[in-house]
Amino acid sequence: MKIVVTSGGFDPVHVGHIRCFKEAKKHGDRLVVILNTDEFLLRKKGFVFMPFHERKELLESFGCVDEVIPCIDEDQTVCKTLEMLKPHVFVKGGDRTIGNIPEREICERHNIAMVFDVGGGKVQSSSWLTGRLKDHFENQVIDRLHQEGHLPKHLQLKKEIAPSLIVPKMEKKTEKKVKITLKKKTAKKAVVQKKGKKK
């Protein structure tokens, strides 16, 4: 039986992944997906959009996927996992090439064939999808700051420009913390005004 392996975070899974899985299955008899753990994703991008068990259940529901196993590596590769499985073929889609995958040495050592551009190239990206959600949230916060008059005058810009100026601060605070900060500032301002009237 010819074993084909592919790997990724699939956080979240999208149409490009589905096409990759379908084409990957054609290269052998059994398709095994190495799924990056939540810890892997936290080290890579700082957050997890969908937890491991949900991503695993989704992938297992696809008819072209025969098995999903967790990545056992701790160095942002799947080298140890590949060495454990020793498949016949290792496939990658998107923008991966033989020149930019760290698993090349392991594949060559164990005579694992490498196939790239599986599924028709990079047609979608999990980062693009989660990035849109992040942008949407930031624009909502900006709108609220504008409406409440808390956005500094030098940041009274168009929404498509303002995010790049305030993203660093927003990444360190949740919307709830932003609200609390604004309330404290408003309360402090009210106290100062009250003291001024007494004089």
Protein backbone atom coordinates (compact mmCIF):
# COMPACT_ATOMS: atom_id res chain seq x y z
CA MET A 1 0.00 0.00 0.00
CA LYS A 2 1.39 3.37 -1.05
CA ILE A 3 1.19 5.95 1.77
CA VAL A 4 0.91 9.67 1.00
CA VAL A 5 1.43 12.30 3.68
CA THR A 6 0.78 16.02 3.81
CA SER A 7 0.97 18.41 6.75
CA GLY A 8 -0.23 21.75 8.03
CA GLY A 9 -2.13 23.71 10.64
CA PHE A 10 -5.35 24.05 8.62
CA ASP A 11 -6.45 26.80 10.99
CA PRO A 12 -8.98 27.28 9.56
CA VAL A 13 -9.33 24.78 6.73
CA HIS A 14 -10.23 26.32 3.35
CA VAL A 15 -10.87 25.43 -0.29
CA GLY A 16 -7.15 25.27 -1.13
CA HIS A 17 -6.67 22.56 1.50
CA ILE A 18 -9.58 20.52 0.11
CA ARG A 19 -8.11 20.63 -3.39
CA CYS A 20 -4.71 19.64 -2.03
CA PHE A 21 -6.17 16.63 -0.17
CA LYS A 22 -8.11 15.43 -3.21
CA GLU A 23 -5.10 15.63 -5.51
CA ALA A 24 -2.74 14.22 -2.88
CA LYS A 25 -4.85 11.07 -2.57
CA LYS A 26 -4.26 10.38 -6.27
CA HIS A 27 -0.54 9.91 -5.56
CA GLY A 28 -1.14 6.80 -3.47
CA ASP A 29 -3.62 4.49 -1.75
CA ARG A 30 -3.82 6.06 1.71
CA LEU A 31 -3.67 9.73 2.67
CA VAL A 32 -2.37 10.62 6.14
CA VAL A 33 -2.52 14.23 7.33
CA ILE A 34 -0.01 15.43 9.92
CA LEU A 35 -1.91 18.09 11.87
CA ASN A 36 0.03 20.78 13.71
CA THR A 37 -0.85 20.98 17.40
CA ASP A 38 -2.18 24.07 19.18
CA GLU A 39 1.28 24.55 20.73
CA PHE A 40 2.81 24.47 17.23
CA LEU A 41 0.42 27.22 16.08
CA LEU A 42 1.01 29.34 19.18
CA ARG A 43 4.76 29.26 18.52
CA LYS A 44 4.22 30.05 14.84
CA LYS A 45 1.62 32.84 14.87
CA GLY A 46 0.77 33.55 18.49
CA PHE A 47 -2.83 32.35 18.49
CA VAL A 48 -5.10 29.41 17.69
CA PHE A 49 -8.24 30.13 15.67
CA MET A 50 -9.68 26.60 15.98
CA PRO A 51 -8.53 24.12 18.67
CA PHE A 52 -6.78 20.91 17.62
CA HIS A 53 -9.70 18.55 18.32
CA GLU A 54 -12.04 20.60 16.11
CA ARG A 55 -9.56 20.81 13.24
CA LYS A 56 -8.91 17.07 13.54
CA GLU A 57 -12.62 16.22 13.45
CA LEU A 58 -13.14 18.39 10.38
CA LEU A 59 -10.27 16.79 8.47
CA GLU A 60 -11.39 13.29 9.40
CA SER A 61 -14.80 14.00 7.89
CA PHE A 62 -13.31 14.40 4.40
CA GLY A 63 -13.66 11.25 2.30
CA CYS A 64 -10.21 11.66 0.76
CA VAL A 65 -8.46 11.74 4.17
CA ASP A 66 -7.80 8.33 5.71
CA GLU A 67 -6.06 9.34 8.93
CA VAL A 68 -5.14 12.47 10.89
CA ILE A 69 -2.27 12.35 13.38
CA PRO A 70 -0.76 15.08 15.59
CA CYS A 71 2.66 16.47 14.79
CA ILE A 72 5.15 15.27 17.41
CA ASP A 73 7.82 17.83 16.50
CA GLU A 74 8.65 20.85 18.67
CA ASP A 75 10.79 22.78 16.21
CA GLN A 76 8.20 24.08 13.72
CA THR A 77 8.83 21.20 11.29
CA VAL A 78 7.31 17.74 10.80
CA CYS A 79 10.67 16.00 10.43
CA LYS A 80 10.34 13.64 13.39
CA THR A 81 6.75 12.82 12.47
CA LEU A 82 7.77 12.03 8.90
CA GLU A 83 10.64 9.89 10.14
CA MET A 84 8.20 7.97 12.32
CA LEU A 85 5.71 7.41 9.47
CA LYS A 86 8.20 6.89 6.63
CA PRO A 87 5.59 7.38 3.88
CA HIS A 88 6.21 6.81 0.18
CA VAL A 89 5.23 10.37 -0.78
CA PHE A 90 5.23 13.75 0.98
CA VAL A 91 3.05 16.34 -0.76
CA LYS A 92 2.75 20.08 -0.20
CA GLY A 93 0.49 22.66 -1.76
CA GLY A 94 0.46 26.44 -1.70
CA ASP A 95 3.83 28.17 -2.08
CA ARG A 96 6.03 25.37 -0.72
CA THR A 97 8.99 24.26 -2.85
CA ILE A 98 11.96 21.95 -2.47
CA GLY A 99 14.00 25.02 -1.64
CA ASN A 100 11.95 26.22 1.32
CA ILE A 101 10.84 23.11 3.23
CA PRO A 102 12.94 21.94 6.22
CA GLU A 103 11.79 18.35 5.66
CA ARG A 104 13.84 17.94 2.50
CA GLU A 105 16.79 16.25 4.23
CA ILE A 106 14.55 13.71 6.01
CA CYS A 107 12.73 12.89 2.79
CA GLU A 108 15.97 12.37 0.87
CA ARG A 109 17.43 10.26 3.68
CA HIS A 110 14.44 7.91 3.75
CA ASN A 111 13.78 7.99 0.01
CA ILE A 112 10.44 9.75 0.43
CA ALA A 113 9.28 11.28 -2.85
CA MET A 114 8.37 14.99 -2.63
CA VAL A 115 5.58 16.49 -4.72
CA PHE A 116 4.83 20.22 -4.76
CA ASP A 117 2.15 22.60 -6.06
CA VAL A 118 -0.49 19.98 -5.22
CA GLY A 119 -4.03 21.29 -5.50
CA GLY A 120 -3.34 24.09 -7.95
CA GLY A 121 -1.09 26.45 -6.02
CA LYS A 122 -1.96 29.02 -3.35
CA VAL A 123 -5.59 29.93 -3.98
CA GLN A 124 -6.48 30.82 -0.37
CA SER A 125 -4.75 31.27 2.97
CA SER A 126 -5.74 30.67 6.58
CA SER A 127 -3.80 33.82 7.49
CA TRP A 128 -5.76 35.86 4.95
CA LEU A 129 -9.05 34.61 6.39
CA THR A 130 -8.20 35.25 10.05
CA GLY A 131 -6.61 38.56 9.03
CA ARG A 132 -9.93 39.76 7.62
CA LEU A 133 -11.62 38.98 10.92
CA LYS A 134 -8.91 40.85 12.82
CA ASP A 135 -9.28 43.86 10.50
CA HIS A 136 -13.06 43.80 10.94
CA PHE A 137 -12.71 43.85 14.75
CA GLU A 138 -10.16 46.68 14.64
CA ASN A 139 -12.42 48.75 12.38
CA GLN A 140 -15.29 48.26 14.81
CA VAL A 141 -13.10 49.49 17.67
CA ILE A 142 -12.00 52.49 15.60
CA ASP A 143 -15.61 53.34 14.77
CA ARG A 144 -16.51 53.23 18.46
CA LEU A 145 -13.54 55.40 19.41
CA HIS A 146 -14.56 57.92 16.75
CA GLN A 147 -18.18 57.94 17.92
CA GLU A 148 -17.22 58.40 21.58
CA GLY A 149 -14.64 61.04 20.75
CA HIS A 150 -11.73 59.18 22.33
CA LEU A 151 -9.53 58.85 19.24
CA PRO A 152 -6.72 61.47 19.27
CA LYS A 153 -7.02 64.20 16.64
CA HIS A 154 -3.88 63.07 14.80
CA LEU A 155 -5.54 59.66 14.31
CA GLN A 156 -8.74 61.07 12.83
CA LEU A 157 -8.03 59.28 9.57
CA LYS A 158 -9.90 57.01 7.21
CA LYS A 159 -10.59 53.53 8.59
CA GLU A 160 -8.36 51.84 6.04
CA ILE A 161 -5.40 53.90 7.27
CA ALA A 162 -6.00 54.16 11.01
CA PRO A 163 -5.65 50.42 11.79
CA SER A 164 -1.97 50.41 10.89
CA LEU A 165 -1.43 53.13 13.45
CA ILE A 166 -3.25 51.58 16.40
CA VAL A 167 -2.82 47.83 15.79
CA PRO A 168 0.22 47.51 18.11
CA LYS A 169 -1.82 48.82 21.05
CA MET A 170 -4.89 46.77 20.20
CA GLU A 171 -2.86 43.58 20.09
CA LYS A 172 -1.91 44.06 23.74
CA LYS A 173 -5.43 44.84 24.97
CA THR A 174 -8.75 43.12 24.55
CA GLU A 175 -11.81 45.17 23.66
CA LYS A 176 -12.94 44.83 27.28
CA LYS A 177 -9.70 46.34 28.57
CA VAL A 178 -10.00 49.17 26.06
CA LYS A 179 -13.48 49.95 27.38
CA ILE A 180 -12.24 49.97 30.99
CA THR A 181 -9.37 52.28 30.07
CA LEU A 182 -11.73 54.69 28.32
CA LYS A 183 -14.15 54.67 31.28
CA LYS A 184 -11.31 55.48 33.70
CA LYS A 185 -10.17 58.38 31.52
CA THR A 186 -13.73 59.72 31.25
CA ALA A 187 -14.27 59.43 35.02
CA LYS A 188 -10.97 61.19 35.73
CA LYS A 189 -11.91 64.00 33.36
CA ALA A 190 -15.29 64.39 35.08
CA VAL A 191 -13.63 64.66 38.53
CA VAL A 192 -11.25 67.35 37.29
CA GLN A 193 -14.14 69.34 35.80
CA LYS A 194 -16.12 69.02 39.05
CA LYS A 195 -13.19 70.33 41.13
CA GLY A 196 -12.81 73.26 38.72
CA LYS A 197 -16.45 74.27 39.22
CA LYS A 198 -16.08 74.30 43.04
CA LYS A 199 -13.30 76.88 42.78
